[in-house]
Amino acid sequence: MINKKYLIDFCRETMNHTNGYFLSSDFEGWCEGMSALIAYAAINLFNFSGDIKIVYGTFDGKGHTWCELDGEIVDGSVDQFGDDYSIYSCRLYSDKYSKESVVNVSELNELIWDSDIDYMNHNFNLYKTA
């Protein structure tokens, strides 16, 4: 079983480091990259072998992208819609998500910068040896 809280924290730390500032509830435009990082880390670092999707759609009527692991929403950027939404509690407001399309995970590398992948791999290797 994958620890989704750790997965989200790990990916947000990567975004914060490689993009030069910390994500807070007033950011936008990071959902696609965050979702791709979550999918990449789940597959390549955490050895997740279940069903994984990057989903394009809306959250509460606003354009958004998120990841689904075995049908469960894992959204590392939902807090961009306000402090009422926790990145760790997406199932509480799953009714606000509306799917429009799904990206094949084989296209992940087109959505992730090499610097993000390098940083994630380096930090994960440090974590494994600690």
Foldseek 3Di string as FASTA:
>chain_A
DDDLVVLLVLLQVLCCVVVPHHDDLQDDDCFLLSQLSSLCCVVPPVVQDADKWWFWFFFQPHTGIFMAGNNHTQTSRPSVPDPVDDSVPCVVRVVRTDTDDIDDNVCSVVSYDPSSVVVSVVVSVVVVVD
